[in-house]
Amino acid sequence: MTTSTSRLAAVVAATSDPAAADPATSQVVFRASAVAHDAVASTISLGQYKVEVDEPPALGGENTAPNPVEYYLGALLSCQVVTWRYWAEKLGITVDEITGRAEGDLDVRGFFGLDDAVRPGFKEVRVVVTVTGPETEERYRELHEVVEKHCPVLDLTTNVTPVRSTLEIG
């Protein structure tokens, strides 16, 4: 058993009972902060990490880094991978390899305010996950259903999440 696999098994074992016994222990807060620079770029701090965000020239940027919606697609795919791995371990389903790809359709008229009937976000996002391993197709379909039900970033897209935005003038 590899270190990462045994670490995941330990997480599965450690999280199931305590979180079920006391829901207060299952509350986690994640944070991010941003500092704008250049025309539309920003440096985002995520815990100990920093990532750069920019836009292509057509949206006012210099294309020096992925744009926010590309990061969303990356967040969705990486969350899918984590959720696949976690639930495969929890359900005892062997997965040899997981790959994924995602694409989304965005009409920039919504962002630019050219048509208020056009939403500024994706009209549709398509995710394809390819999984290989020794299990039956039925077992992988079962796992897929569980992943779709439990993936946090997918949930952010498919359900309404309240967001409170506050303006501070400094």
Protein backbone atom coordinates (compact mmCIF):
# COMPACT_ATOMS: atom_id res chain seq x y z
CA MET A 1 0.00 0.00 0.00
CA THR A 2 1.49 3.36 -0.97
CA THR A 3 1.80 6.18 1.52
CA SER A 4 -0.83 8.30 -0.24
CA THR A 5 -3.26 5.36 -0.38
CA SER A 6 -2.74 4.52 3.28
CA ARG A 7 -3.15 8.22 4.16
CA LEU A 8 -6.48 8.27 2.31
CA ALA A 9 -7.60 5.09 4.08
CA ALA A 10 -6.75 6.73 7.41
CA VAL A 11 -8.79 9.81 6.48
CA VAL A 12 -11.78 7.67 5.52
CA ALA A 13 -11.57 5.76 8.80
CA ALA A 14 -11.01 8.84 10.94
CA THR A 15 -13.76 11.03 9.49
CA SER A 16 -16.75 8.74 9.33
CA ASP A 17 -17.58 8.13 12.99
CA PRO A 18 -16.60 11.43 14.70
CA ALA A 19 -18.42 13.63 12.16
CA ALA A 20 -21.54 11.50 12.39
CA ALA A 21 -21.44 11.48 16.21
CA ASP A 22 -20.93 15.25 16.58
CA PRO A 23 -21.83 17.39 13.54
CA ALA A 24 -20.14 20.41 15.16
CA THR A 25 -16.76 18.73 14.56
CA SER A 26 -17.43 18.61 10.82
CA GLN A 27 -17.55 22.39 10.26
CA VAL A 28 -14.56 23.73 8.31
CA VAL A 29 -13.86 27.25 7.03
CA PHE A 30 -11.76 27.80 3.91
CA ARG A 31 -10.40 31.25 3.06
CA ALA A 32 -9.00 33.11 0.10
CA SER A 33 -7.83 36.68 -0.41
CA ALA A 34 -7.01 38.69 -3.52
CA VAL A 35 -4.85 41.65 -4.46
CA ALA A 36 -5.51 43.26 -7.84
CA HIS A 37 -2.62 44.27 -10.09
CA ASP A 38 -2.07 45.30 -13.69
CA ALA A 39 -5.21 45.78 -15.78
CA VAL A 40 -7.39 42.88 -14.60
CA ALA A 41 -4.92 40.43 -13.01
CA SER A 42 -4.82 39.41 -9.37
CA THR A 43 -2.76 37.41 -6.93
CA ILE A 44 -4.91 35.05 -4.93
CA SER A 45 -3.72 33.74 -1.57
CA LEU A 46 -5.06 30.31 -0.64
CA GLY A 47 -3.60 29.30 2.70
CA GLN A 48 0.15 29.01 2.17
CA TYR A 49 -0.21 29.11 -1.62
CA LYS A 50 -0.46 31.94 -4.11
CA VAL A 51 -1.89 31.67 -7.61
CA GLU A 52 -2.03 34.23 -10.37
CA VAL A 53 -5.19 35.03 -12.30
CA ASP A 54 -5.45 37.04 -15.52
CA GLU A 55 -7.66 37.33 -18.56
CA PRO A 56 -6.95 37.03 -22.27
CA PRO A 57 -6.49 40.29 -24.21
CA ALA A 58 -10.11 40.15 -25.45
CA LEU A 59 -11.19 40.58 -21.81
CA GLY A 60 -8.61 43.26 -20.93
CA GLY A 61 -5.78 41.08 -19.66
CA GLU A 62 -2.36 40.00 -20.83
CA ASN A 63 -3.01 36.23 -20.71
CA THR A 64 -0.24 35.67 -18.13
CA ALA A 65 -2.27 33.15 -16.11
CA PRO A 66 -5.53 31.19 -16.26
CA ASN A 67 -8.70 33.23 -15.95
CA PRO A 68 -11.29 32.76 -13.19
CA VAL A 69 -13.60 30.48 -15.16
CA GLU A 70 -10.64 28.28 -16.14
CA TYR A 71 -9.77 28.02 -12.46
CA TYR A 72 -13.38 27.04 -11.80
CA LEU A 73 -13.11 24.20 -14.35
CA GLY A 74 -9.83 23.13 -12.76
CA ALA A 75 -11.39 23.28 -9.29
CA LEU A 76 -14.31 21.19 -10.47
CA LEU A 77 -12.04 18.55 -12.03
CA SER A 78 -9.69 18.37 -9.07
CA CYS A 79 -12.63 18.10 -6.67
CA GLN A 80 -14.04 15.31 -8.80
CA VAL A 81 -10.71 13.44 -8.57
CA VAL A 82 -10.58 13.86 -4.78
CA THR A 83 -14.20 12.73 -4.45
CA TRP A 84 -13.66 9.73 -6.74
CA ARG A 85 -10.61 8.66 -4.72
CA TYR A 86 -12.28 9.19 -1.34
CA TRP A 87 -15.46 7.32 -2.20
CA ALA A 88 -13.63 4.52 -4.05
CA GLU A 89 -11.66 3.93 -0.86
CA LYS A 90 -14.75 4.17 1.33
CA LEU A 91 -16.77 1.78 -0.86
CA GLY A 92 -13.89 -0.62 -1.50
CA ILE A 93 -13.91 -0.01 -5.26
CA THR A 94 -10.54 -0.36 -6.99
CA VAL A 95 -9.63 2.47 -9.36
CA ASP A 96 -6.38 2.27 -11.30
CA GLU A 97 -6.53 5.62 -13.10
CA ILE A 98 -8.84 8.63 -13.22
CA THR A 99 -8.65 11.34 -15.85
CA GLY A 100 -11.06 14.13 -16.54
CA ARG A 101 -11.78 17.02 -18.82
CA ALA A 102 -14.25 19.87 -18.60
CA GLU A 103 -15.48 22.64 -20.83
CA GLY A 104 -18.05 25.34 -20.42
CA ASP A 105 -20.00 27.65 -22.70
CA LEU A 106 -19.86 31.31 -21.71
CA ASP A 107 -21.54 34.19 -23.55
CA VAL A 108 -19.47 37.31 -22.72
CA ARG A 109 -22.43 39.59 -23.47
CA GLY A 110 -23.59 38.88 -19.90
CA PHE A 111 -20.24 39.92 -18.39
CA PHE A 112 -20.02 43.07 -20.54
CA GLY A 113 -23.62 44.03 -19.75
CA LEU A 114 -24.58 44.02 -23.42
CA ASP A 115 -27.68 41.90 -22.85
CA ASP A 116 -29.24 41.64 -19.39
CA ALA A 117 -31.08 38.49 -20.46
CA VAL A 118 -27.72 36.69 -20.83
CA ARG A 119 -26.26 35.40 -17.58
CA PRO A 120 -22.58 36.23 -16.99
CA GLY A 121 -21.69 32.66 -16.02
CA PHE A 122 -21.54 29.41 -17.89
CA LYS A 123 -24.66 28.36 -19.79
CA GLU A 124 -23.53 24.75 -19.53
CA VAL A 125 -20.53 22.84 -18.21
CA ARG A 126 -19.64 19.41 -19.51
CA VAL A 127 -17.44 17.06 -17.48
CA VAL A 128 -16.10 13.76 -18.74
CA VAL A 129 -14.38 11.42 -16.29
CA THR A 130 -12.57 8.34 -17.55
CA VAL A 131 -11.86 5.62 -15.04
CA THR A 132 -9.92 2.40 -15.46
CA GLY A 133 -9.59 -0.57 -13.18
CA PRO A 134 -10.66 -4.16 -12.57
CA GLU A 135 -14.22 -3.46 -11.38
CA THR A 136 -17.39 -3.99 -13.38
CA GLU A 137 -19.03 -1.17 -15.29
CA GLU A 138 -21.90 -1.35 -12.80
CA ARG A 139 -19.55 -0.70 -9.85
CA TYR A 140 -18.01 2.33 -11.57
CA ARG A 141 -21.47 3.67 -12.38
CA GLU A 142 -22.40 3.24 -8.72
CA LEU A 143 -19.27 5.15 -7.73
CA HIS A 144 -20.05 7.87 -10.28
CA GLU A 145 -23.51 8.40 -8.74
CA VAL A 146 -21.99 8.75 -5.28
CA VAL A 147 -19.36 11.20 -6.55
CA GLU A 148 -22.04 13.33 -8.24
CA LYS A 149 -23.94 13.42 -4.95
CA HIS A 150 -20.93 14.33 -2.75
CA CYS A 151 -18.55 16.52 -4.80
CA PRO A 152 -18.43 19.95 -3.05
CA VAL A 153 -17.46 22.01 -6.11
CA LEU A 154 -20.13 20.32 -8.22
CA ASP A 155 -22.61 21.13 -5.45
CA LEU A 156 -21.60 24.82 -5.64
CA THR A 157 -22.70 24.81 -9.27
CA THR A 158 -25.82 22.70 -9.11
CA ASN A 159 -27.30 24.24 -5.94
CA VAL A 160 -27.81 27.82 -4.85
CA THR A 161 -25.16 28.89 -2.35
CA PRO A 162 -25.89 32.08 -0.41
CA VAL A 163 -23.12 34.66 -0.87
CA ARG A 164 -22.96 37.83 1.21
CA SER A 165 -20.82 40.51 -0.33
CA THR A 166 -19.74 43.50 1.76
CA LEU A 167 -18.06 46.66 0.52
CA GLU A 168 -15.48 48.28 2.78
CA ILE A 169 -14.22 51.74 1.85
CA GLY A 170 -10.70 52.29 3.16
